[in-house]
Amino acid sequence: MKVFSSNVRYYRYLMNYSQEKLAELCGLSTHYISDIERSKYSPSIPTIETIAKALKIEANVLFIENLEARNLCTRIDIHRSKKNRK
């Protein structure tokens, strides 16, 4: 589940989506997206497919170990803000 959660956060970051934007695209709440990214909930297969579609990737990609995803700052919003200031 940790791999999945990290990958959701990572691919959301790559798409430059906020949790709010991803939630809107998926028809889910921002709170639920946040909980998925923190491994608090295990989404259903249809929800996983919906998230993957919104992120423009195949669903199975969300379950493949990705070192870049694992090393992404937990608070990517802070990371993104610092990056934009440079």
C-alpha atoms as a PDB file:
ATOM      1  CA  MET A   1       0.000   0.000   0.000  1.00  0.00           C
ATOM      2  CA  LYS A   2       2.910   2.346   0.702  1.00  0.00           C
ATOM      3  CA  VAL A   3       4.103   2.014  -2.910  1.00  0.00           C
ATOM      4  CA  PHE A   4       0.646   2.892  -4.188  1.00  0.00           C
ATOM      5  CA  SER A   5       0.325   5.904  -1.892  1.00  0.00           C
ATOM      6  CA  SER A   6       3.757   7.243  -2.803  1.00  0.00           C
ATOM      7  CA  ASN A   7       3.026   6.826  -6.489  1.00  0.00           C
ATOM      8  CA  VAL A   8      -0.290   8.663  -6.301  1.00  0.00           C
ATOM      9  CA  ARG A   9       1.513  11.607  -4.682  1.00  0.00           C
ATOM     10  CA  TYR A  10       4.407  11.398  -7.178  1.00  0.00           C
ATOM     11  CA  TYR A  11       2.293  11.274 -10.347  1.00  0.00           C
ATOM     12  CA  ARG A  12       0.034  14.007  -8.981  1.00  0.00           C
ATOM     13  CA  TYR A  13       3.171  16.102  -8.514  1.00  0.00           C
ATOM     14  CA  LEU A  14       4.317  15.352 -12.078  1.00  0.00           C
ATOM     15  CA  MET A  15       0.937  16.472 -13.428  1.00  0.00           C
ATOM     16  CA  ASN A  16       1.203  19.608 -11.284  1.00  0.00           C
ATOM     17  CA  TYR A  17      -2.154  18.790  -9.677  1.00  0.00           C
ATOM     18  CA  SER A  18      -3.105  19.847  -6.198  1.00  0.00           C
ATOM     19  CA  GLN A  19      -5.020  17.351  -4.084  1.00  0.00           C
ATOM     20  CA  GLU A  20      -8.062  19.495  -4.778  1.00  0.00           C
ATOM     21  CA  LYS A  21      -7.589  19.239  -8.547  1.00  0.00           C
ATOM     22  CA  LEU A  22      -7.073  15.468  -8.466  1.00  0.00           C
ATOM     23  CA  ALA A  23     -10.110  15.046  -6.221  1.00  0.00           C
ATOM     24  CA  GLU A  24     -12.212  17.132  -8.604  1.00  0.00           C
ATOM     25  CA  LEU A  25     -11.081  15.116 -11.630  1.00  0.00           C
ATOM     26  CA  CYS A  26     -11.871  11.861  -9.828  1.00  0.00           C
ATOM     27  CA  GLY A  27     -15.137  12.910  -8.243  1.00  0.00           C
ATOM     28  CA  LEU A  28     -13.668  12.277  -4.796  1.00  0.00           C
ATOM     29  CA  SER A  29     -13.155  14.449  -1.749  1.00  0.00           C
ATOM     30  CA  THR A  30      -9.867  16.187  -1.073  1.00  0.00           C
ATOM     31  CA  HIS A  31      -9.845  14.522   2.327  1.00  0.00           C
ATOM     32  CA  TYR A  32     -10.064  11.071   0.705  1.00  0.00           C
ATOM     33  CA  ILE A  33      -7.154  11.841  -1.683  1.00  0.00           C
ATOM     34  CA  SER A  34      -5.106  13.025   1.296  1.00  0.00           C
ATOM     35  CA  ASP A  35      -5.915   9.850   3.212  1.00  0.00           C
ATOM     36  CA  ILE A  36      -4.941   7.685   0.217  1.00  0.00           C
ATOM     37  CA  GLU A  37      -1.606   9.491  -0.046  1.00  0.00           C
ATOM     38  CA  ARG A  38      -0.999   8.872   3.660  1.00  0.00           C
ATOM     39  CA  SER A  39      -1.897   5.166   3.338  1.00  0.00           C
ATOM     40  CA  LYS A  40      -4.920   5.550   5.625  1.00  0.00           C
ATOM     41  CA  TYR A  41      -7.343   4.023   3.119  1.00  0.00           C
ATOM     42  CA  SER A  42      -7.120   1.299   0.540  1.00  0.00           C
ATOM     43  CA  PRO A  43      -9.259   2.403  -2.417  1.00  0.00           C
ATOM     44  CA  SER A  44     -11.421   0.064  -4.462  1.00  0.00           C
ATOM     45  CA  ILE A  45     -10.333  -1.100  -7.910  1.00  0.00           C
ATOM     46  CA  PRO A  46     -12.744   1.275  -9.688  1.00  0.00           C
ATOM     47  CA  THR A  47     -11.356   4.175  -7.614  1.00  0.00           C
ATOM     48  CA  ILE A  48      -7.777   3.151  -8.461  1.00  0.00           C
ATOM     49  CA  GLU A  49      -8.709   3.116 -12.149  1.00  0.00           C
ATOM     50  CA  THR A  50     -10.329   6.543 -11.831  1.00  0.00           C
ATOM     51  CA  ILE A  51      -7.240   7.992 -10.142  1.00  0.00           C
ATOM     52  CA  ALA A  52      -4.944   6.463 -12.783  1.00  0.00           C
ATOM     53  CA  LYS A  53      -7.094   7.875 -15.584  1.00  0.00           C
ATOM     54  CA  ALA A  54      -6.975  11.353 -14.014  1.00  0.00           C
ATOM     55  CA  LEU A  55      -3.183  11.039 -13.737  1.00  0.00           C
ATOM     56  CA  LYS A  56      -3.001   9.834 -17.374  1.00  0.00           C
ATOM     57  CA  ILE A  57      -1.241   6.581 -16.512  1.00  0.00           C
ATOM     58  CA  GLU A  58      -2.126   2.898 -16.489  1.00  0.00           C
ATOM     59  CA  ALA A  59      -3.449   1.695 -13.133  1.00  0.00           C
ATOM     60  CA  ASN A  60      -0.718  -0.944 -12.740  1.00  0.00           C
ATOM     61  CA  VAL A  61       1.954   1.786 -12.770  1.00  0.00           C
ATOM     62  CA  LEU A  62       0.678   2.904  -9.368  1.00  0.00           C
ATOM     63  CA  PHE A  63       1.836  -0.421  -7.904  1.00  0.00           C
ATOM     64  CA  ILE A  64       5.390  -0.435  -9.302  1.00  0.00           C
ATOM     65  CA  GLU A  65       8.149   0.554  -6.862  1.00  0.00           C
ATOM     66  CA  ASN A  66       9.520   3.936  -7.889  1.00  0.00           C
ATOM     67  CA  LEU A  67      12.580   5.367  -6.118  1.00  0.00           C
ATOM     68  CA  GLU A  68      11.759   8.895  -7.233  1.00  0.00           C
ATOM     69  CA  ALA A  69       8.286   8.603  -5.723  1.00  0.00           C
ATOM     70  CA  ARG A  70       9.684   7.277  -2.469  1.00  0.00           C
ATOM     71  CA  ASN A  71      12.153  10.171  -2.227  1.00  0.00           C
ATOM     72  CA  LEU A  72       9.614  12.894  -2.996  1.00  0.00           C
ATOM     73  CA  CYS A  73       9.145  15.283  -0.106  1.00  0.00           C
ATOM     74  CA  THR A  74       6.078  14.381   1.958  1.00  0.00           C
ATOM     75  CA  ARG A  75       4.783  17.940   1.711  1.00  0.00           C
ATOM     76  CA  ILE A  76       5.095  18.402  -2.042  1.00  0.00           C
ATOM     77  CA  ASP A  77       3.126  21.647  -1.835  1.00  0.00           C
ATOM     78  CA  ILE A  78       6.006  23.135   0.167  1.00  0.00           C
ATOM     79  CA  HIS A  79       8.533  21.661  -2.283  1.00  0.00           C
ATOM     80  CA  ARG A  80       6.624  23.105  -5.222  1.00  0.00           C
ATOM     81  CA  SER A  81       6.483  26.557  -3.590  1.00  0.00           C
ATOM     82  CA  LYS A  82      10.246  26.587  -3.028  1.00  0.00           C
ATOM     83  CA  LYS A  83      10.867  25.450  -6.596  1.00  0.00           C
ATOM     84  CA  ASN A  84       8.676  28.229  -8.007  1.00  0.00           C
ATOM     85  CA  ARG A  85      10.535  30.912  -6.002  1.00  0.00           C
ATOM     86  CA  LYS A  86      13.871  30.164  -7.692  1.00  0.00           C
END
